[in-house]
ModelCIF file with pLDDT and N, C-alpha, C, O atoms, coordinates in Angstrom:
data_MODEL
#
_entry.id   MODEL 
#
_entity.id                         1 
_entity.type                       polymer 
_entity.pdbx_number_of_molecules   1 
#
_entity_poly.entity_id                      1 
_entity_poly.type                           'polypeptide(L)' 
_entity_poly.nstd_linkage                   no 
_entity_poly.nstd_monomer                   no 
_entity_poly.pdbx_seq_one_letter_code       KLALREEFCNLEEILSYQNTVFFGGDCISMIDYLFWPWFERLDVYGIA 
_entity_poly.pdbx_seq_one_letter_code_can   KLALREEFCNLEEILSYQNTVFFGGDCISMIDYLFWPWFERLDVYGIA 
_entity_poly.pdbx_strand_id                 A 
#
loop_
_entity_poly_seq.entity_id 
_entity_poly_seq.num 
_entity_poly_seq.mon_id 
_entity_poly_seq.hetero 
1 1  LYS n 
1 2  LEU n 
1 3  ALA n 
1 4  LEU n 
1 5  ARG n 
1 6  GLU n 
1 7  GLU n 
1 8  PHE n 
1 9  CYS n 
1 10 ASN n 
1 11 LEU n 
1 12 GLU n 
1 13 GLU n 
1 14 ILE n 
1 15 LEU n 
1 16 SER n 
1 17 TYR n 
1 18 GLN n 
1 19 ASN n 
1 20 THR n 
1 21 VAL n 
1 22 PHE n 
1 23 PHE n 
1 24 GLY n 
1 25 GLY n 
1 26 ASP n 
1 27 CYS n 
1 28 ILE n 
1 29 SER n 
1 30 MET n 
1 31 ILE n 
1 32 ASP n 
1 33 TYR n 
1 34 LEU n 
1 35 PHE n 
1 36 TRP n 
1 37 PRO n 
1 38 TRP n 
1 39 PHE n 
1 40 GLU n 
1 41 ARG n 
1 42 LEU n 
1 43 ASP n 
1 44 VAL n 
1 45 TYR n 
1 46 GLY n 
1 47 ILE n 
1 48 ALA n 
#
_struct_asym.id          A 
_struct_asym.entity_id   1 
#
loop_
_ma_qa_metric.id 
_ma_qa_metric.mode 
_ma_qa_metric.name 
_ma_qa_metric.software_group_id 
_ma_qa_metric.type 
1 global pLDDT . pLDDT 
2 local  pLDDT . pLDDT 
#
_ma_qa_metric_global.metric_id      1 
_ma_qa_metric_global.metric_value   97.06 
_ma_qa_metric_global.model_id       1 
_ma_qa_metric_global.ordinal_id     1 
#
loop_
_ma_qa_metric_local.label_asym_id 
_ma_qa_metric_local.label_comp_id 
_ma_qa_metric_local.label_seq_id 
_ma_qa_metric_local.metric_id 
_ma_qa_metric_local.metric_value 
_ma_qa_metric_local.model_id 
_ma_qa_metric_local.ordinal_id 
A LYS 1  2 97.00 1 1  
A LEU 2  2 97.00 1 2  
A ALA 3  2 98.00 1 3  
A LEU 4  2 98.00 1 4  
A ARG 5  2 98.00 1 5  
A GLU 6  2 97.00 1 6  
A GLU 7  2 98.00 1 7  
A PHE 8  2 98.00 1 8  
A CYS 9  2 97.00 1 9  
A ASN 10 2 97.00 1 10 
A LEU 11 2 97.00 1 11 
A GLU 12 2 97.00 1 12 
A GLU 13 2 97.00 1 13 
A ILE 14 2 97.00 1 14 
A LEU 15 2 97.00 1 15 
A SER 16 2 96.00 1 16 
A TYR 17 2 95.00 1 17 
A GLN 18 2 95.00 1 18 
A ASN 19 2 96.00 1 19 
A THR 20 2 96.00 1 20 
A VAL 21 2 97.00 1 21 
A PHE 22 2 98.00 1 22 
A PHE 23 2 97.00 1 23 
A GLY 24 2 95.00 1 24 
A GLY 25 2 94.00 1 25 
A ASP 26 2 93.00 1 26 
A CYS 27 2 96.00 1 27 
A ILE 28 2 98.00 1 28 
A SER 29 2 98.00 1 29 
A MET 30 2 98.00 1 30 
A ILE 31 2 98.00 1 31 
A ASP 32 2 98.00 1 32 
A TYR 33 2 98.00 1 33 
A LEU 34 2 98.00 1 34 
A PHE 35 2 98.00 1 35 
A TRP 36 2 98.00 1 36 
A PRO 37 2 98.00 1 37 
A TRP 38 2 98.00 1 38 
A PHE 39 2 98.00 1 39 
A GLU 40 2 98.00 1 40 
A ARG 41 2 98.00 1 41 
A LEU 42 2 98.00 1 42 
A ASP 43 2 97.00 1 43 
A VAL 44 2 97.00 1 44 
A TYR 45 2 97.00 1 45 
A GLY 46 2 96.00 1 46 
A ILE 47 2 97.00 1 47 
A ALA 48 2 97.00 1 48 
#
loop_
_atom_site.group_PDB 
_atom_site.id 
_atom_site.type_symbol 
_atom_site.label_atom_id 
_atom_site.label_alt_id 
_atom_site.label_comp_id 
_atom_site.label_asym_id 
_atom_site.label_entity_id 
_atom_site.label_seq_id 
_atom_site.pdbx_PDB_ins_code 
_atom_site.Cartn_x 
_atom_site.Cartn_y 
_atom_site.Cartn_z 
_atom_site.occupancy 
_atom_site.B_iso_or_equiv 
_atom_site.pdbx_formal_charge 
_atom_site.auth_seq_id 
_atom_site.auth_comp_id 
_atom_site.auth_asym_id 
_atom_site.auth_atom_id 
_atom_site.pdbx_PDB_model_num 
ATOM 1   N N  . LYS A 1 1  ? 33.175 -83.131  8.189  1.00 97.00 ? 1  LYS A N  1 
ATOM 2   C CA . LYS A 1 1  ? 32.592 -83.776  9.525  1.00 97.00 ? 1  LYS A CA 1 
ATOM 3   C C  . LYS A 1 1  ? 31.370 -84.434  8.516  1.00 97.00 ? 1  LYS A C  1 
ATOM 4   O O  . LYS A 1 1  ? 31.034 -85.546  8.924  1.00 97.00 ? 1  LYS A O  1 
ATOM 5   N N  . LEU A 1 2  ? 30.730 -84.051  7.451  1.00 97.00 ? 2  LEU A N  1 
ATOM 6   C CA . LEU A 1 2  ? 30.021 -84.418  7.039  1.00 97.00 ? 2  LEU A CA 1 
ATOM 7   C C  . LEU A 1 2  ? 29.719 -86.068  6.646  1.00 97.00 ? 2  LEU A C  1 
ATOM 8   O O  . LEU A 1 2  ? 28.901 -86.958  6.882  1.00 97.00 ? 2  LEU A O  1 
ATOM 9   N N  . ALA A 1 3  ? 31.140 -85.787  5.776  1.00 98.00 ? 3  ALA A N  1 
ATOM 10  C CA . ALA A 1 3  ? 31.592 -87.170  4.848  1.00 98.00 ? 3  ALA A CA 1 
ATOM 11  C C  . ALA A 1 3  ? 31.700 -88.443  6.142  1.00 98.00 ? 3  ALA A C  1 
ATOM 12  O O  . ALA A 1 3  ? 31.199 -89.568  6.153  1.00 98.00 ? 3  ALA A O  1 
ATOM 13  N N  . LEU A 1 4  ? 32.724 -87.612  7.374  1.00 98.00 ? 4  LEU A N  1 
ATOM 14  C CA . LEU A 1 4  ? 32.780 -88.351  8.230  1.00 98.00 ? 4  LEU A CA 1 
ATOM 15  C C  . LEU A 1 4  ? 31.035 -89.589  8.668  1.00 98.00 ? 4  LEU A C  1 
ATOM 16  O O  . LEU A 1 4  ? 30.749 -90.775  8.507  1.00 98.00 ? 4  LEU A O  1 
ATOM 17  N N  . ARG A 1 5  ? 30.424 -88.492  9.185  1.00 98.00 ? 5  ARG A N  1 
ATOM 18  C CA . ARG A 1 5  ? 28.797 -88.486  9.304  1.00 98.00 ? 5  ARG A CA 1 
ATOM 19  C C  . ARG A 1 5  ? 28.220 -90.034  8.891  1.00 98.00 ? 5  ARG A C  1 
ATOM 20  O O  . ARG A 1 5  ? 27.631 -91.021  9.333  1.00 98.00 ? 5  ARG A O  1 
ATOM 21  N N  . GLU A 1 6  ? 28.877 -89.436  7.665  1.00 97.00 ? 6  GLU A N  1 
ATOM 22  C CA . GLU A 1 6  ? 28.306 -90.792  6.236  1.00 97.00 ? 6  GLU A CA 1 
ATOM 23  C C  . GLU A 1 6  ? 28.508 -92.029  6.489  1.00 97.00 ? 6  GLU A C  1 
ATOM 24  O O  . GLU A 1 6  ? 27.665 -92.915  6.348  1.00 97.00 ? 6  GLU A O  1 
ATOM 25  N N  . GLU A 1 7  ? 29.736 -92.183  6.913  1.00 98.00 ? 7  GLU A N  1 
ATOM 26  C CA . GLU A 1 7  ? 30.800 -93.608  6.737  1.00 98.00 ? 7  GLU A CA 1 
ATOM 27  C C  . GLU A 1 7  ? 30.253 -93.863  8.435  1.00 98.00 ? 7  GLU A C  1 
ATOM 28  O O  . GLU A 1 7  ? 29.731 -94.961  8.631  1.00 98.00 ? 7  GLU A O  1 
ATOM 29  N N  . PHE A 1 8  ? 30.338 -93.048  9.469  1.00 98.00 ? 8  PHE A N  1 
ATOM 30  C CA . PHE A 1 8  ? 29.700 -93.570  10.920 1.00 98.00 ? 8  PHE A CA 1 
ATOM 31  C C  . PHE A 1 8  ? 27.779 -93.985  10.058 1.00 98.00 ? 8  PHE A C  1 
ATOM 32  O O  . PHE A 1 8  ? 27.942 -95.176  9.793  1.00 98.00 ? 8  PHE A O  1 
ATOM 33  N N  . CYS A 1 9  ? 26.844 -93.766  9.755  1.00 97.00 ? 9  CYS A N  1 
ATOM 34  C CA . CYS A 1 9  ? 26.311 -94.075  8.980  1.00 97.00 ? 9  CYS A CA 1 
ATOM 35  C C  . CYS A 1 9  ? 25.887 -95.601  8.527  1.00 97.00 ? 9  CYS A C  1 
ATOM 36  O O  . CYS A 1 9  ? 25.022 -96.389  8.908  1.00 97.00 ? 9  CYS A O  1 
ATOM 37  N N  . ASN A 1 10 ? 27.182 -95.638  7.274  1.00 97.00 ? 10 ASN A N  1 
ATOM 38  C CA . ASN A 1 10 ? 27.314 -96.836  7.083  1.00 97.00 ? 10 ASN A CA 1 
ATOM 39  C C  . ASN A 1 10 ? 27.603 -98.014  8.070  1.00 97.00 ? 10 ASN A C  1 
ATOM 40  O O  . ASN A 1 10 ? 27.439 -99.147  7.616  1.00 97.00 ? 10 ASN A O  1 
ATOM 41  N N  . LEU A 1 11 ? 28.103 -97.852  9.654  1.00 97.00 ? 11 LEU A N  1 
ATOM 42  C CA . LEU A 1 11 ? 28.110 -98.521  9.759  1.00 97.00 ? 11 LEU A CA 1 
ATOM 43  C C  . LEU A 1 11 ? 27.034 -98.704  11.595 1.00 97.00 ? 11 LEU A C  1 
ATOM 44  O O  . LEU A 1 11 ? 27.247 -99.413  12.579 1.00 97.00 ? 11 LEU A O  1 
ATOM 45  N N  . GLU A 1 12 ? 26.411 -98.126  11.418 1.00 97.00 ? 12 GLU A N  1 
ATOM 46  C CA . GLU A 1 12 ? 25.153 -97.391  11.932 1.00 97.00 ? 12 GLU A CA 1 
ATOM 47  C C  . GLU A 1 12 ? 24.244 -98.565  11.902 1.00 97.00 ? 12 GLU A C  1 
ATOM 48  O O  . GLU A 1 12 ? 23.720 -99.226  12.798 1.00 97.00 ? 12 GLU A O  1 
ATOM 49  N N  . GLU A 1 13 ? 24.200 -98.652  10.070 1.00 97.00 ? 13 GLU A N  1 
ATOM 50  C CA . GLU A 1 13 ? 23.442 -99.569  9.380  1.00 97.00 ? 13 GLU A CA 1 
ATOM 51  C C  . GLU A 1 13 ? 24.006 -101.055 9.842  1.00 97.00 ? 13 GLU A C  1 
ATOM 52  O O  . GLU A 1 13 ? 23.203 -101.823 10.372 1.00 97.00 ? 13 GLU A O  1 
ATOM 53  N N  . ILE A 1 14 ? 25.096 -101.383 9.687  1.00 97.00 ? 14 ILE A N  1 
ATOM 54  C CA . ILE A 1 14 ? 25.411 -102.631 10.148 1.00 97.00 ? 14 ILE A CA 1 
ATOM 55  C C  . ILE A 1 14 ? 24.679 -103.084 11.892 1.00 97.00 ? 14 ILE A C  1 
ATOM 56  O O  . ILE A 1 14 ? 23.943 -103.871 12.487 1.00 97.00 ? 14 ILE A O  1 
ATOM 57  N N  . LEU A 1 15 ? 25.366 -102.159 12.008 1.00 97.00 ? 15 LEU A N  1 
ATOM 58  C CA . LEU A 1 15 ? 24.736 -102.537 13.711 1.00 97.00 ? 15 LEU A CA 1 
ATOM 59  C C  . LEU A 1 15 ? 23.418 -102.884 13.933 1.00 97.00 ? 15 LEU A C  1 
ATOM 60  O O  . LEU A 1 15 ? 23.183 -103.817 14.701 1.00 97.00 ? 15 LEU A O  1 
ATOM 61  N N  . SER A 1 16 ? 22.566 -102.320 13.418 1.00 96.00 ? 16 SER A N  1 
ATOM 62  C CA . SER A 1 16 ? 21.193 -102.388 13.226 1.00 96.00 ? 16 SER A CA 1 
ATOM 63  C C  . SER A 1 16 ? 20.307 -103.567 12.698 1.00 96.00 ? 16 SER A C  1 
ATOM 64  O O  . SER A 1 16 ? 19.321 -104.119 13.188 1.00 96.00 ? 16 SER A O  1 
ATOM 65  N N  . TYR A 1 17 ? 21.123 -103.801 11.315 1.00 95.00 ? 17 TYR A N  1 
ATOM 66  C CA . TYR A 1 17 ? 20.716 -104.796 11.006 1.00 95.00 ? 17 TYR A CA 1 
ATOM 67  C C  . TYR A 1 17 ? 21.099 -106.257 11.280 1.00 95.00 ? 17 TYR A C  1 
ATOM 68  O O  . TYR A 1 17 ? 20.477 -107.275 10.977 1.00 95.00 ? 17 TYR A O  1 
ATOM 69  N N  . GLN A 1 18 ? 22.062 -106.146 11.810 1.00 95.00 ? 18 GLN A N  1 
ATOM 70  C CA . GLN A 1 18 ? 22.768 -107.568 12.641 1.00 95.00 ? 18 GLN A CA 1 
ATOM 71  C C  . GLN A 1 18 ? 21.794 -107.449 14.068 1.00 95.00 ? 18 GLN A C  1 
ATOM 72  O O  . GLN A 1 18 ? 21.530 -108.559 14.528 1.00 95.00 ? 18 GLN A O  1 
ATOM 73  N N  . ASN A 1 19 ? 21.156 -106.159 14.924 1.00 96.00 ? 19 ASN A N  1 
ATOM 74  C CA . ASN A 1 19 ? 20.591 -106.628 16.098 1.00 96.00 ? 19 ASN A CA 1 
ATOM 75  C C  . ASN A 1 19 ? 21.729 -106.668 16.871 1.00 96.00 ? 19 ASN A C  1 
ATOM 76  O O  . ASN A 1 19 ? 21.211 -106.769 17.983 1.00 96.00 ? 19 ASN A O  1 
ATOM 77  N N  . THR A 1 20 ? 22.849 -106.660 17.052 1.00 96.00 ? 20 THR A N  1 
ATOM 78  C CA . THR A 1 20 ? 23.858 -106.952 18.246 1.00 96.00 ? 20 THR A CA 1 
ATOM 79  C C  . THR A 1 20 ? 24.339 -105.355 18.881 1.00 96.00 ? 20 THR A C  1 
ATOM 80  O O  . THR A 1 20 ? 24.092 -104.192 18.561 1.00 96.00 ? 20 THR A O  1 
ATOM 81  N N  . VAL A 1 21 ? 25.232 -106.090 20.047 1.00 97.00 ? 21 VAL A N  1 
ATOM 82  C CA . VAL A 1 21 ? 25.847 -104.386 20.470 1.00 97.00 ? 21 VAL A CA 1 
ATOM 83  C C  . VAL A 1 21 ? 26.927 -104.406 19.619 1.00 97.00 ? 21 VAL A C  1 
ATOM 84  O O  . VAL A 1 21 ? 27.025 -103.417 18.892 1.00 97.00 ? 21 VAL A O  1 
ATOM 85  N N  . PHE A 1 22 ? 27.970 -105.471 19.482 1.00 98.00 ? 22 PHE A N  1 
ATOM 86  C CA . PHE A 1 22 ? 29.340 -105.338 18.746 1.00 98.00 ? 22 PHE A CA 1 
ATOM 87  C C  . PHE A 1 22 ? 29.164 -105.906 17.163 1.00 98.00 ? 22 PHE A C  1 
ATOM 88  O O  . PHE A 1 22 ? 28.149 -106.383 16.655 1.00 98.00 ? 22 PHE A O  1 
ATOM 89  N N  . PHE A 1 23 ? 30.353 -105.717 16.619 1.00 97.00 ? 23 PHE A N  1 
ATOM 90  C CA . PHE A 1 23 ? 30.328 -105.275 15.215 1.00 97.00 ? 23 PHE A CA 1 
ATOM 91  C C  . PHE A 1 23 ? 30.624 -107.189 14.981 1.00 97.00 ? 23 PHE A C  1 
ATOM 92  O O  . PHE A 1 23 ? 30.779 -107.506 13.801 1.00 97.00 ? 23 PHE A O  1 
ATOM 93  N N  . GLY A 1 24 ? 30.681 -108.133 15.819 1.00 95.00 ? 24 GLY A N  1 
ATOM 94  C CA . GLY A 1 24 ? 31.140 -109.279 15.855 1.00 95.00 ? 24 GLY A CA 1 
ATOM 95  C C  . GLY A 1 24 ? 30.211 -110.372 16.577 1.00 95.00 ? 24 GLY A C  1 
ATOM 96  O O  . GLY A 1 24 ? 30.423 -111.552 16.856 1.00 95.00 ? 24 GLY A O  1 
ATOM 97  N N  . GLY A 1 25 ? 28.845 -109.340 16.820 1.00 94.00 ? 25 GLY A N  1 
ATOM 98  C CA . GLY A 1 25 ? 28.316 -110.609 17.158 1.00 94.00 ? 25 GLY A CA 1 
ATOM 99  C C  . GLY A 1 25 ? 27.963 -109.842 18.984 1.00 94.00 ? 25 GLY A C  1 
ATOM 100 O O  . GLY A 1 25 ? 28.090 -108.625 19.117 1.00 94.00 ? 25 GLY A O  1 
ATOM 101 N N  . ASP A 1 26 ? 27.661 -110.473 19.863 1.00 93.00 ? 26 ASP A N  1 
ATOM 102 C CA . ASP A 1 26 ? 27.140 -110.519 21.042 1.00 93.00 ? 26 ASP A CA 1 
ATOM 103 C C  . ASP A 1 26 ? 28.171 -110.155 22.243 1.00 93.00 ? 26 ASP A C  1 
ATOM 104 O O  . ASP A 1 26 ? 27.754 -109.973 23.387 1.00 93.00 ? 26 ASP A O  1 
ATOM 105 N N  . CYS A 1 27 ? 29.746 -110.049 21.855 1.00 96.00 ? 27 CYS A N  1 
ATOM 106 C CA . CYS A 1 27 ? 30.660 -110.179 22.615 1.00 96.00 ? 27 CYS A CA 1 
ATOM 107 C C  . CYS A 1 27 ? 32.129 -109.324 21.406 1.00 96.00 ? 27 CYS A C  1 
ATOM 108 O O  . CYS A 1 27 ? 32.394 -109.265 20.206 1.00 96.00 ? 27 CYS A O  1 
ATOM 109 N N  . ILE A 1 28 ? 32.523 -108.974 22.331 1.00 98.00 ? 28 ILE A N  1 
ATOM 110 C CA . ILE A 1 28 ? 33.748 -108.247 21.723 1.00 98.00 ? 28 ILE A CA 1 
ATOM 111 C C  . ILE A 1 28 ? 34.417 -109.089 20.838 1.00 98.00 ? 28 ILE A C  1 
ATOM 112 O O  . ILE A 1 28 ? 34.027 -110.254 20.770 1.00 98.00 ? 28 ILE A O  1 
ATOM 113 N N  . SER A 1 29 ? 35.378 -108.714 20.127 1.00 98.00 ? 29 SER A N  1 
ATOM 114 C CA . SER A 1 29 ? 36.064 -109.498 19.064 1.00 98.00 ? 29 SER A CA 1 
ATOM 115 C C  . SER A 1 29 ? 36.935 -108.368 18.163 1.00 98.00 ? 29 SER A C  1 
ATOM 116 O O  . SER A 1 29 ? 36.876 -107.141 18.240 1.00 98.00 ? 29 SER A O  1 
ATOM 117 N N  . MET A 1 30 ? 37.885 -109.330 17.155 1.00 98.00 ? 30 MET A N  1 
ATOM 118 C CA . MET A 1 30 ? 38.870 -108.601 16.700 1.00 98.00 ? 30 MET A CA 1 
ATOM 119 C C  . MET A 1 30 ? 38.625 -107.191 16.142 1.00 98.00 ? 30 MET A C  1 
ATOM 120 O O  . MET A 1 30 ? 39.427 -106.267 16.279 1.00 98.00 ? 30 MET A O  1 
ATOM 121 N N  . ILE A 1 31 ? 37.272 -107.090 15.407 1.00 98.00 ? 31 ILE A N  1 
ATOM 122 C CA . ILE A 1 31 ? 36.930 -106.059 14.621 1.00 98.00 ? 31 ILE A CA 1 
ATOM 123 C C  . ILE A 1 31 ? 36.542 -104.931 15.395 1.00 98.00 ? 31 ILE A C  1 
ATOM 124 O O  . ILE A 1 31 ? 36.550 -103.736 15.102 1.00 98.00 ? 31 ILE A O  1 
ATOM 125 N N  . ASP A 1 32 ? 36.209 -105.509 16.414 1.00 98.00 ? 32 ASP A N  1 
ATOM 126 C CA . ASP A 1 32 ? 35.644 -104.134 17.484 1.00 98.00 ? 32 ASP A CA 1 
ATOM 127 C C  . ASP A 1 32 ? 36.877 -103.135 18.398 1.00 98.00 ? 32 ASP A C  1 
ATOM 128 O O  . ASP A 1 32 ? 36.660 -102.038 18.914 1.00 98.00 ? 32 ASP A O  1 
ATOM 129 N N  . TYR A 1 33 ? 38.368 -104.011 18.395 1.00 98.00 ? 33 TYR A N  1 
ATOM 130 C CA . TYR A 1 33 ? 39.227 -104.010 18.533 1.00 98.00 ? 33 TYR A CA 1 
ATOM 131 C C  . TYR A 1 33 ? 39.767 -102.865 17.480 1.00 98.00 ? 33 TYR A C  1 
ATOM 132 O O  . TYR A 1 33 ? 39.975 -101.667 17.675 1.00 98.00 ? 33 TYR A O  1 
ATOM 133 N N  . LEU A 1 34 ? 39.935 -103.752 16.160 1.00 98.00 ? 34 LEU A N  1 
ATOM 134 C CA . LEU A 1 34 ? 40.116 -102.421 15.224 1.00 98.00 ? 34 LEU A CA 1 
ATOM 135 C C  . LEU A 1 34 ? 39.643 -101.356 14.864 1.00 98.00 ? 34 LEU A C  1 
ATOM 136 O O  . LEU A 1 34 ? 40.366 -100.531 14.305 1.00 98.00 ? 34 LEU A O  1 
ATOM 137 N N  . PHE A 1 35 ? 38.226 -101.097 15.111 1.00 98.00 ? 35 PHE A N  1 
ATOM 138 C CA . PHE A 1 35 ? 37.741 -99.808  15.189 1.00 98.00 ? 35 PHE A CA 1 
ATOM 139 C C  . PHE A 1 35 ? 38.047 -98.912  16.356 1.00 98.00 ? 35 PHE A C  1 
ATOM 140 O O  . PHE A 1 35 ? 38.551 -97.800  16.199 1.00 98.00 ? 35 PHE A O  1 
ATOM 141 N N  . TRP A 1 36 ? 37.767 -99.361  17.410 1.00 98.00 ? 36 TRP A N  1 
ATOM 142 C CA . TRP A 1 36 ? 38.238 -98.804  18.862 1.00 98.00 ? 36 TRP A CA 1 
ATOM 143 C C  . TRP A 1 36 ? 38.644 -97.529  18.550 1.00 98.00 ? 36 TRP A C  1 
ATOM 144 O O  . TRP A 1 36 ? 37.935 -96.537  18.381 1.00 98.00 ? 36 TRP A O  1 
ATOM 145 N N  . PRO A 1 37 ? 40.200 -97.659  18.469 1.00 98.00 ? 37 PRO A N  1 
ATOM 146 C CA . PRO A 1 37 ? 41.281 -96.288  18.634 1.00 98.00 ? 37 PRO A CA 1 
ATOM 147 C C  . PRO A 1 37 ? 40.657 -95.090  17.994 1.00 98.00 ? 37 PRO A C  1 
ATOM 148 O O  . PRO A 1 37 ? 41.021 -93.988  18.404 1.00 98.00 ? 37 PRO A O  1 
ATOM 149 N N  . TRP A 1 38 ? 39.801 -95.158  17.082 1.00 98.00 ? 38 TRP A N  1 
ATOM 150 C CA . TRP A 1 38 ? 39.493 -93.725  16.087 1.00 98.00 ? 38 TRP A CA 1 
ATOM 151 C C  . TRP A 1 38 ? 38.377 -92.999  16.911 1.00 98.00 ? 38 TRP A C  1 
ATOM 152 O O  . TRP A 1 38 ? 38.283 -91.783  17.075 1.00 98.00 ? 38 TRP A O  1 
ATOM 153 N N  . PHE A 1 39 ? 37.169 -94.419  17.622 1.00 98.00 ? 39 PHE A N  1 
ATOM 154 C CA . PHE A 1 39 ? 36.225 -93.332  18.268 1.00 98.00 ? 39 PHE A CA 1 
ATOM 155 C C  . PHE A 1 39 ? 36.875 -92.919  19.808 1.00 98.00 ? 39 PHE A C  1 
ATOM 156 O O  . PHE A 1 39 ? 36.614 -91.916  20.471 1.00 98.00 ? 39 PHE A O  1 
ATOM 157 N N  . GLU A 1 40 ? 37.689 -93.897  20.098 1.00 98.00 ? 40 GLU A N  1 
ATOM 158 C CA . GLU A 1 40 ? 38.469 -93.161  21.514 1.00 98.00 ? 40 GLU A CA 1 
ATOM 159 C C  . GLU A 1 40 ? 38.666 -91.830  21.373 1.00 98.00 ? 40 GLU A C  1 
ATOM 160 O O  . GLU A 1 40 ? 38.443 -91.137  22.366 1.00 98.00 ? 40 GLU A O  1 
ATOM 161 N N  . ARG A 1 41 ? 39.128 -91.165  20.106 1.00 98.00 ? 41 ARG A N  1 
ATOM 162 C CA . ARG A 1 41 ? 39.557 -90.149  20.356 1.00 98.00 ? 41 ARG A CA 1 
ATOM 163 C C  . ARG A 1 41 ? 38.997 -88.997  19.288 1.00 98.00 ? 41 ARG A C  1 
ATOM 164 O O  . ARG A 1 41 ? 39.459 -87.997  18.739 1.00 98.00 ? 41 ARG A O  1 
ATOM 165 N N  . LEU A 1 42 ? 37.736 -89.719  19.312 1.00 98.00 ? 42 LEU A N  1 
ATOM 166 C CA . LEU A 1 42 ? 36.453 -88.651  18.847 1.00 98.00 ? 42 LEU A CA 1 
ATOM 167 C C  . LEU A 1 42 ? 36.721 -87.827  19.590 1.00 98.00 ? 42 LEU A C  1 
ATOM 168 O O  . LEU A 1 42 ? 37.277 -86.886  19.025 1.00 98.00 ? 42 LEU A O  1 
ATOM 169 N N  . ASP A 1 43 ? 36.540 -87.644  21.120 1.00 97.00 ? 43 ASP A N  1 
ATOM 170 C CA . ASP A 1 43 ? 36.099 -86.563  21.658 1.00 97.00 ? 43 ASP A CA 1 
ATOM 171 C C  . ASP A 1 43 ? 37.013 -85.419  22.028 1.00 97.00 ? 43 ASP A C  1 
ATOM 172 O O  . ASP A 1 43 ? 36.733 -84.277  22.391 1.00 97.00 ? 43 ASP A O  1 
ATOM 173 N N  . VAL A 1 44 ? 38.598 -86.229  21.777 1.00 97.00 ? 44 VAL A N  1 
ATOM 174 C CA . VAL A 1 44 ? 39.573 -85.151  22.248 1.00 97.00 ? 44 VAL A CA 1 
ATOM 175 C C  . VAL A 1 44 ? 40.361 -84.373  21.055 1.00 97.00 ? 44 VAL A C  1 
ATOM 176 O O  . VAL A 1 44 ? 41.419 -83.745  21.021 1.00 97.00 ? 44 VAL A O  1 
ATOM 177 N N  . TYR A 1 45 ? 39.352 -84.704  20.076 1.00 97.00 ? 45 TYR A N  1 
ATOM 178 C CA . TYR A 1 45 ? 39.842 -84.386  18.907 1.00 97.00 ? 45 TYR A CA 1 
ATOM 179 C C  . TYR A 1 45 ? 38.630 -83.330  18.474 1.00 97.00 ? 45 TYR A C  1 
ATOM 180 O O  . TYR A 1 45 ? 38.733 -82.513  17.558 1.00 97.00 ? 45 TYR A O  1 
ATOM 181 N N  . GLY A 1 46 ? 37.680 -83.479  19.162 1.00 96.00 ? 46 GLY A N  1 
ATOM 182 C CA . GLY A 1 46 ? 36.889 -82.379  18.730 1.00 96.00 ? 46 GLY A CA 1 
ATOM 183 C C  . GLY A 1 46 ? 35.469 -82.712  18.271 1.00 96.00 ? 46 GLY A C  1 
ATOM 184 O O  . GLY A 1 46 ? 34.469 -81.998  18.338 1.00 96.00 ? 46 GLY A O  1 
ATOM 185 N N  . ILE A 1 47 ? 35.593 -83.893  17.814 1.00 97.00 ? 47 ILE A N  1 
ATOM 186 C CA . ILE A 1 47 ? 34.409 -84.432  16.409 1.00 97.00 ? 47 ILE A CA 1 
ATOM 187 C C  . ILE A 1 47 ? 33.892 -85.703  17.305 1.00 97.00 ? 47 ILE A C  1 
ATOM 188 O O  . ILE A 1 47 ? 34.189 -86.879  17.096 1.00 97.00 ? 47 ILE A O  1 
ATOM 189 N N  . ALA A 1 48 ? 33.010 -85.178  18.399 1.00 97.00 ? 48 ALA A N  1 
ATOM 190 C CA . ALA A 1 48 ? 32.399 -86.188  19.106 1.00 97.00 ? 48 ALA A CA 1 
ATOM 191 C C  . ALA A 1 48 ? 30.794 -86.150  18.393 1.00 97.00 ? 48 ALA A C  1 
ATOM 192 O O  . ALA A 1 48 ? 29.929 -86.936  18.778 1.00 97.00 ? 48 ALA A O  1 
#
């Protein structure tokens, strides 16, 4: 979980630097859909 949090920190830095809601900009694009399935599963996996 610590290793996973570190990976999420990297993604957090990208969003913060871009100052956008989505990874591709102001609207959903391919990269958001490619990331999404694992985030949808965080709760059901017990690691939200």
